[in-house]
Amino acid sequence: MTTHHWSRIQESVADPGPIWIDTQHRLLAYGLTLIFKEADIPTQFEPQGASICLRDYSNNQGCPLMRPDLPTLALVKQGTVESELFELIHLEYRGYILADCDVQTLLQSVAAVYRGELWIDPHVMMRYLAPHHSGHLLTSREREVLFYLRRGWTNLQIAKQLAIAPKTVKTHVSAVLYKYGVRKRTELMVGSS
């Protein structure tokens, strides 16, 4: 996508405004800034006044995701498990792109978010829309429990974190295992897909 193509996209968007580049990595921020500058897309490093956000989720793996305040595109690393991608979709992220994508894909995904569209890998979206093993998607509490399970937390640690009884955690763990069609919690940590 060239600057000319970006100009046509700007015409179709009422106020494209700047992109908030949300990353702790200066080298990544610098590279993204150069790419967007070449395409005449304004950037900034704080949320105030931004129209959309490009969040570096590839380096935020230790924190639970929060619902974004702006239309947000997540930058994820290769090998991000599908359950995390589903979590992004559920939390109303406008989509995700791989951190090693090409420049054209980056610009196309940003343009889609500016237009209010989603940008999601079609294969992952089909798996998201297809029913899980039990025919039901995870509940919000089951997704929270899964988040901590995949990080190796015990039922007691999860119970304390979520302020629920350990027996309730055990019930949620059983439901998650069943819905993913696995027998052991360690199987969720390995692939969870």
C-alpha atoms as a PDB file:
ATOM      1  CA  MET A   1       0.000   0.000   0.000  1.00  0.00           C
ATOM      2  CA  THR A   2       1.524   3.277  -1.024  1.00  0.00           C
ATOM      3  CA  THR A   3       0.955   6.790   0.243  1.00  0.00           C
ATOM      4  CA  HIS A   4      -1.441   7.255  -2.684  1.00  0.00           C
ATOM      5  CA  HIS A   5      -3.579   4.360  -1.449  1.00  0.00           C
ATOM      6  CA  TRP A   6      -3.521   5.763   2.083  1.00  0.00           C
ATOM      7  CA  SER A   7      -4.753   9.127   0.760  1.00  0.00           C
ATOM      8  CA  ARG A   8      -7.801   7.368  -0.723  1.00  0.00           C
ATOM      9  CA  ILE A   9      -8.441   5.674   2.622  1.00  0.00           C
ATOM     10  CA  GLN A  10      -8.229   9.017   4.421  1.00  0.00           C
ATOM     11  CA  GLU A  11     -10.900  10.373   2.085  1.00  0.00           C
ATOM     12  CA  SER A  12     -13.250   7.534   3.071  1.00  0.00           C
ATOM     13  CA  VAL A  13     -12.722   8.093   6.814  1.00  0.00           C
ATOM     14  CA  ALA A  14     -14.242  11.178   8.418  1.00  0.00           C
ATOM     15  CA  ASP A  15     -11.288  11.955  10.718  1.00  0.00           C
ATOM     16  CA  PRO A  16      -8.493   9.398  10.591  1.00  0.00           C
ATOM     17  CA  GLY A  17      -6.600  11.054  13.441  1.00  0.00           C
ATOM     18  CA  PRO A  18      -3.343   9.686  14.827  1.00  0.00           C
ATOM     19  CA  ILE A  19      -2.521   6.115  15.799  1.00  0.00           C
ATOM     20  CA  TRP A  20      -1.501   5.550  19.388  1.00  0.00           C
ATOM     21  CA  ILE A  21       1.452   3.145  19.265  1.00  0.00           C
ATOM     22  CA  ASP A  22       1.196   1.349  22.606  1.00  0.00           C
ATOM     23  CA  THR A  23       4.483  -0.467  23.202  1.00  0.00           C
ATOM     24  CA  GLN A  24       7.281  -0.460  25.754  1.00  0.00           C
ATOM     25  CA  HIS A  25       9.882  -1.314  23.109  1.00  0.00           C
ATOM     26  CA  ARG A  26      11.550   1.770  21.675  1.00  0.00           C
ATOM     27  CA  LEU A  27      12.999   0.029  18.629  1.00  0.00           C
ATOM     28  CA  LEU A  28       9.590  -1.341  17.640  1.00  0.00           C
ATOM     29  CA  ALA A  29       7.998   2.066  18.230  1.00  0.00           C
ATOM     30  CA  TYR A  30      10.647   3.723  16.067  1.00  0.00           C
ATOM     31  CA  GLY A  31      10.169   1.229  13.219  1.00  0.00           C
ATOM     32  CA  LEU A  32       6.385   1.580  13.277  1.00  0.00           C
ATOM     33  CA  THR A  33       6.684   5.356  13.339  1.00  0.00           C
ATOM     34  CA  LEU A  34       8.879   5.287  10.229  1.00  0.00           C
ATOM     35  CA  ILE A  35       6.457   2.992   8.396  1.00  0.00           C
ATOM     36  CA  PHE A  36       3.455   5.170   9.255  1.00  0.00           C
ATOM     37  CA  LYS A  37       5.349   8.393   8.487  1.00  0.00           C
ATOM     38  CA  GLU A  38       6.140   7.127   4.993  1.00  0.00           C
ATOM     39  CA  ALA A  39       2.416   6.498   4.493  1.00  0.00           C
ATOM     40  CA  ASP A  40       1.499   9.949   5.931  1.00  0.00           C
ATOM     41  CA  ILE A  41      -0.257   8.383   8.914  1.00  0.00           C
ATOM     42  CA  PRO A  42       0.184  10.438  12.097  1.00  0.00           C
ATOM     43  CA  THR A  43       1.402   8.584  15.212  1.00  0.00           C
ATOM     44  CA  GLN A  44       1.687   9.293  18.903  1.00  0.00           C
ATOM     45  CA  PHE A  45       2.698   7.493  22.092  1.00  0.00           C
ATOM     46  CA  GLU A  46      -0.206   8.371  24.364  1.00  0.00           C
ATOM     47  CA  PRO A  47      -3.949   7.731  24.131  1.00  0.00           C
ATOM     48  CA  GLN A  48      -5.249  11.317  24.361  1.00  0.00           C
ATOM     49  CA  GLY A  49      -6.469  12.481  20.959  1.00  0.00           C
ATOM     50  CA  ALA A  50      -5.768   9.191  19.169  1.00  0.00           C
ATOM     51  CA  SER A  51      -8.346   7.670  16.833  1.00  0.00           C
ATOM     52  CA  ILE A  52      -7.098   4.087  17.034  1.00  0.00           C
ATOM     53  CA  CYS A  53      -4.511   2.101  18.940  1.00  0.00           C
ATOM     54  CA  LEU A  54      -1.899  -0.397  17.794  1.00  0.00           C
ATOM     55  CA  ARG A  55      -1.099  -2.339  20.977  1.00  0.00           C
ATOM     56  CA  ASP A  56       1.988  -4.488  21.262  1.00  0.00           C
ATOM     57  CA  TYR A  57       0.379  -7.521  22.882  1.00  0.00           C
ATOM     58  CA  SER A  58       3.357  -9.685  21.902  1.00  0.00           C
ATOM     59  CA  ASN A  59       5.157  -8.350  24.961  1.00  0.00           C
ATOM     60  CA  ASN A  60       2.207  -8.101  27.395  1.00  0.00           C
ATOM     61  CA  GLN A  61       1.793 -11.837  27.920  1.00  0.00           C
ATOM     62  CA  GLY A  62       1.931 -11.629  31.725  1.00  0.00           C
ATOM     63  CA  CYS A  63      -1.070  -9.339  32.196  1.00  0.00           C
ATOM     64  CA  PRO A  64      -4.773 -10.025  31.782  1.00  0.00           C
ATOM     65  CA  LEU A  65      -6.257  -8.175  28.837  1.00  0.00           C
ATOM     66  CA  MET A  66      -8.633  -5.304  29.438  1.00  0.00           C
ATOM     67  CA  ARG A  67     -11.342  -4.036  27.114  1.00  0.00           C
ATOM     68  CA  PRO A  68      -9.751  -1.212  25.075  1.00  0.00           C
ATOM     69  CA  ASP A  69     -11.146   2.341  25.165  1.00  0.00           C
ATOM     70  CA  LEU A  70     -10.222   2.999  21.523  1.00  0.00           C
ATOM     71  CA  PRO A  71     -10.609   0.809  18.446  1.00  0.00           C
ATOM     72  CA  THR A  72      -7.523  -1.346  18.977  1.00  0.00           C
ATOM     73  CA  LEU A  73      -5.476  -3.641  16.789  1.00  0.00           C
ATOM     74  CA  ALA A  74      -3.269  -6.079  18.710  1.00  0.00           C
ATOM     75  CA  LEU A  75       0.231  -6.888  17.525  1.00  0.00           C
ATOM     76  CA  VAL A  76       0.791 -10.550  18.475  1.00  0.00           C
ATOM     77  CA  LYS A  77       3.763 -12.851  18.148  1.00  0.00           C
ATOM     78  CA  GLN A  78       3.859 -15.963  15.993  1.00  0.00           C
ATOM     79  CA  GLY A  79       2.626 -18.904  18.055  1.00  0.00           C
ATOM     80  CA  THR A  80       0.088 -16.971  20.127  1.00  0.00           C
ATOM     81  CA  VAL A  81      -2.433 -19.611  21.120  1.00  0.00           C
ATOM     82  CA  GLU A  82      -5.937 -19.379  19.753  1.00  0.00           C
ATOM     83  CA  SER A  83      -7.526 -18.957  23.169  1.00  0.00           C
ATOM     84  CA  GLU A  84      -5.649 -15.660  23.546  1.00  0.00           C
ATOM     85  CA  LEU A  85      -6.766 -14.554  20.087  1.00  0.00           C
ATOM     86  CA  PHE A  86     -10.356 -15.475  20.997  1.00  0.00           C
ATOM     87  CA  GLU A  87      -9.945 -13.438  24.177  1.00  0.00           C
ATOM     88  CA  LEU A  88      -8.911 -10.420  22.082  1.00  0.00           C
ATOM     89  CA  ILE A  89     -11.993 -10.827  19.918  1.00  0.00           C
ATOM     90  CA  HIS A  90     -14.260 -11.241  22.934  1.00  0.00           C
ATOM     91  CA  LEU A  91     -12.871  -8.067  24.520  1.00  0.00           C
ATOM     92  CA  GLU A  92     -13.776  -6.158  21.338  1.00  0.00           C
ATOM     93  CA  TYR A  93     -10.305  -5.609  19.964  1.00  0.00           C
ATOM     94  CA  ARG A  94     -10.781  -4.706  16.313  1.00  0.00           C
ATOM     95  CA  GLY A  95      -8.389  -7.478  15.366  1.00  0.00           C
ATOM     96  CA  TYR A  96      -4.818  -8.606  15.450  1.00  0.00           C
ATOM     97  CA  ILE A  97      -1.792  -8.876  13.210  1.00  0.00           C
ATOM     98  CA  LEU A  98       1.386 -10.863  13.567  1.00  0.00           C
ATOM     99  CA  ALA A  99       4.419  -8.890  14.684  1.00  0.00           C
ATOM    100  CA  ASP A 100       6.339 -10.253  11.693  1.00  0.00           C
ATOM    101  CA  CYS A 101       3.736  -9.269   9.075  1.00  0.00           C
ATOM    102  CA  ASP A 102       4.724  -7.329   5.986  1.00  0.00           C
ATOM    103  CA  VAL A 103       4.211  -3.569   5.687  1.00  0.00           C
ATOM    104  CA  GLN A 104       1.282  -3.914   3.288  1.00  0.00           C
ATOM    105  CA  THR A 105      -0.594  -6.150   5.736  1.00  0.00           C
ATOM    106  CA  LEU A 106       0.108  -3.702   8.567  1.00  0.00           C
ATOM    107  CA  LEU A 107      -1.249  -0.763   6.574  1.00  0.00           C
ATOM    108  CA  GLN A 108      -4.270  -2.723   5.321  1.00  0.00           C
ATOM    109  CA  SER A 109      -5.144  -3.793   8.873  1.00  0.00           C
ATOM    110  CA  VAL A 110      -4.822  -0.237  10.178  1.00  0.00           C
ATOM    111  CA  ALA A 111      -7.004   1.030   7.321  1.00  0.00           C
ATOM    112  CA  ALA A 112      -9.637  -1.601   8.175  1.00  0.00           C
ATOM    113  CA  VAL A 113      -9.702  -0.485  11.814  1.00  0.00           C
ATOM    114  CA  TYR A 114     -10.023   3.165  10.737  1.00  0.00           C
ATOM    115  CA  ARG A 115     -13.052   2.152   8.656  1.00  0.00           C
ATOM    116  CA  GLY A 116     -14.597   0.383  11.652  1.00  0.00           C
ATOM    117  CA  GLU A 117     -13.949  -3.093  10.269  1.00  0.00           C
ATOM    118  CA  LEU A 118     -12.379  -6.143  11.895  1.00  0.00           C
ATOM    119  CA  TRP A 119      -9.007  -7.567  10.864  1.00  0.00           C
ATOM    120  CA  ILE A 120      -8.781 -11.225  11.843  1.00  0.00           C
ATOM    121  CA  ASP A 121      -7.102 -14.231  10.285  1.00  0.00           C
ATOM    122  CA  PRO A 122      -9.946 -16.083   8.498  1.00  0.00           C
ATOM    123  CA  HIS A 123      -8.839 -19.536   9.716  1.00  0.00           C
ATOM    124  CA  VAL A 124      -8.851 -18.464  13.338  1.00  0.00           C
ATOM    125  CA  MET A 125     -12.213 -16.716  12.905  1.00  0.00           C
ATOM    126  CA  MET A 126     -13.769 -19.914  11.557  1.00  0.00           C
ATOM    127  CA  ARG A 127     -12.535 -21.817  14.611  1.00  0.00           C
ATOM    128  CA  TYR A 128     -13.858 -19.023  16.855  1.00  0.00           C
ATOM    129  CA  LEU A 129     -17.299 -19.171  15.282  1.00  0.00           C
ATOM    130  CA  ALA A 130     -17.407 -22.978  15.303  1.00  0.00           C
ATOM    131  CA  PRO A 131     -18.698 -24.477  18.541  1.00  0.00           C
ATOM    132  CA  HIS A 132     -16.133 -25.817  20.967  1.00  0.00           C
ATOM    133  CA  HIS A 133     -16.089 -29.478  21.941  1.00  0.00           C
ATOM    134  CA  SER A 134     -19.233 -29.133  24.064  1.00  0.00           C
ATOM    135  CA  GLY A 135     -21.060 -26.894  21.622  1.00  0.00           C
ATOM    136  CA  HIS A 136     -20.693 -23.808  23.860  1.00  0.00           C
ATOM    137  CA  LEU A 137     -18.167 -21.014  24.093  1.00  0.00           C
ATOM    138  CA  LEU A 138     -16.399 -20.396  27.383  1.00  0.00           C
ATOM    139  CA  THR A 139     -18.113 -18.149  29.886  1.00  0.00           C
ATOM    140  CA  SER A 140     -16.315 -14.998  30.950  1.00  0.00           C
ATOM    141  CA  ARG A 141     -15.338 -16.623  34.273  1.00  0.00           C
ATOM    142  CA  GLU A 142     -14.062 -19.729  32.461  1.00  0.00           C
ATOM    143  CA  ARG A 143     -11.918 -17.475  30.247  1.00  0.00           C
ATOM    144  CA  GLU A 144     -10.471 -15.828  33.358  1.00  0.00           C
ATOM    145  CA  VAL A 145      -9.711 -19.224  34.902  1.00  0.00           C
ATOM    146  CA  LEU A 146      -8.164 -20.388  31.609  1.00  0.00           C
ATOM    147  CA  PHE A 147      -5.937 -17.315  31.552  1.00  0.00           C
ATOM    148  CA  TYR A 148      -4.409 -18.257  34.918  1.00  0.00           C
ATOM    149  CA  LEU A 149      -4.391 -21.998  34.211  1.00  0.00           C
ATOM    150  CA  ARG A 150      -2.247 -21.431  31.156  1.00  0.00           C
ATOM    151  CA  ARG A 151       0.247 -19.595  33.324  1.00  0.00           C
ATOM    152  CA  GLY A 152       0.562 -22.554  35.685  1.00  0.00           C
ATOM    153  CA  TRP A 153      -1.421 -21.163  38.623  1.00  0.00           C
ATOM    154  CA  THR A 154      -2.919 -23.562  41.177  1.00  0.00           C
ATOM    155  CA  ASN A 155      -6.637 -23.644  41.954  1.00  0.00           C
ATOM    156  CA  LEU A 156      -5.953 -21.939  45.285  1.00  0.00           C
ATOM    157  CA  GLN A 157      -3.975 -19.121  43.628  1.00  0.00           C
ATOM    158  CA  ILE A 158      -6.750 -18.624  41.068  1.00  0.00           C
ATOM    159  CA  ALA A 159      -9.395 -18.619  43.811  1.00  0.00           C
ATOM    160  CA  LYS A 160      -7.547 -15.902  45.731  1.00  0.00           C
ATOM    161  CA  GLN A 161      -6.984 -13.825  42.594  1.00  0.00           C
ATOM    162  CA  LEU A 162     -10.630 -14.024  41.500  1.00  0.00           C
ATOM    163  CA  ALA A 163     -12.043 -13.870  45.059  1.00  0.00           C
ATOM    164  CA  ILE A 164     -14.008 -17.103  44.648  1.00  0.00           C
ATOM    165  CA  ALA A 165     -14.005 -20.446  46.469  1.00  0.00           C
ATOM    166  CA  PRO A 166     -11.418 -23.080  45.447  1.00  0.00           C
ATOM    167  CA  LYS A 167     -14.297 -25.490  44.822  1.00  0.00           C
ATOM    168  CA  THR A 168     -15.779 -23.009  42.337  1.00  0.00           C
ATOM    169  CA  VAL A 169     -12.409 -22.806  40.577  1.00  0.00           C
ATOM    170  CA  LYS A 170     -12.361 -26.607  40.382  1.00  0.00           C
ATOM    171  CA  THR A 171     -15.793 -26.534  38.714  1.00  0.00           C
ATOM    172  CA  HIS A 172     -14.596 -23.954  36.162  1.00  0.00           C
ATOM    173  CA  VAL A 173     -11.407 -25.926  35.493  1.00  0.00           C
ATOM    174  CA  SER A 174     -13.483 -29.047  34.810  1.00  0.00           C
ATOM    175  CA  ALA A 175     -15.728 -27.106  32.419  1.00  0.00           C
ATOM    176  CA  VAL A 176     -12.733 -25.655  30.537  1.00  0.00           C
ATOM    177  CA  LEU A 177     -11.099 -29.086  30.257  1.00  0.00           C
ATOM    178  CA  TYR A 178     -14.326 -30.553  28.917  1.00  0.00           C
ATOM    179  CA  LYS A 179     -14.931 -27.745  26.420  1.00  0.00           C
ATOM    180  CA  TYR A 180     -11.403 -28.047  25.072  1.00  0.00           C
ATOM    181  CA  GLY A 181     -11.630 -31.824  24.945  1.00  0.00           C
ATOM    182  CA  VAL A 182      -8.541 -32.368  27.091  1.00  0.00           C
ATOM    183  CA  ARG A 183      -7.983 -34.368  30.264  1.00  0.00           C
ATOM    184  CA  LYS A 184      -5.151 -32.520  31.969  1.00  0.00           C
ATOM    185  CA  ARG A 185      -4.646 -28.847  32.729  1.00  0.00           C
ATOM    186  CA  THR A 186      -1.102 -29.060  31.340  1.00  0.00           C
ATOM    187  CA  GLU A 187      -2.616 -29.684  27.888  1.00  0.00           C
ATOM    188  CA  LEU A 188      -4.175 -26.226  28.093  1.00  0.00           C
ATOM    189  CA  MET A 189      -0.789 -24.663  28.793  1.00  0.00           C
ATOM    190  CA  VAL A 190       0.824 -26.273  25.744  1.00  0.00           C
ATOM    191  CA  GLY A 191      -1.580 -25.316  22.968  1.00  0.00           C
ATOM    192  CA  SER A 192      -5.072 -24.513  24.136  1.00  0.00           C
ATOM    193  CA  SER A 193      -6.400 -24.661  20.579  1.00  0.00           C
END
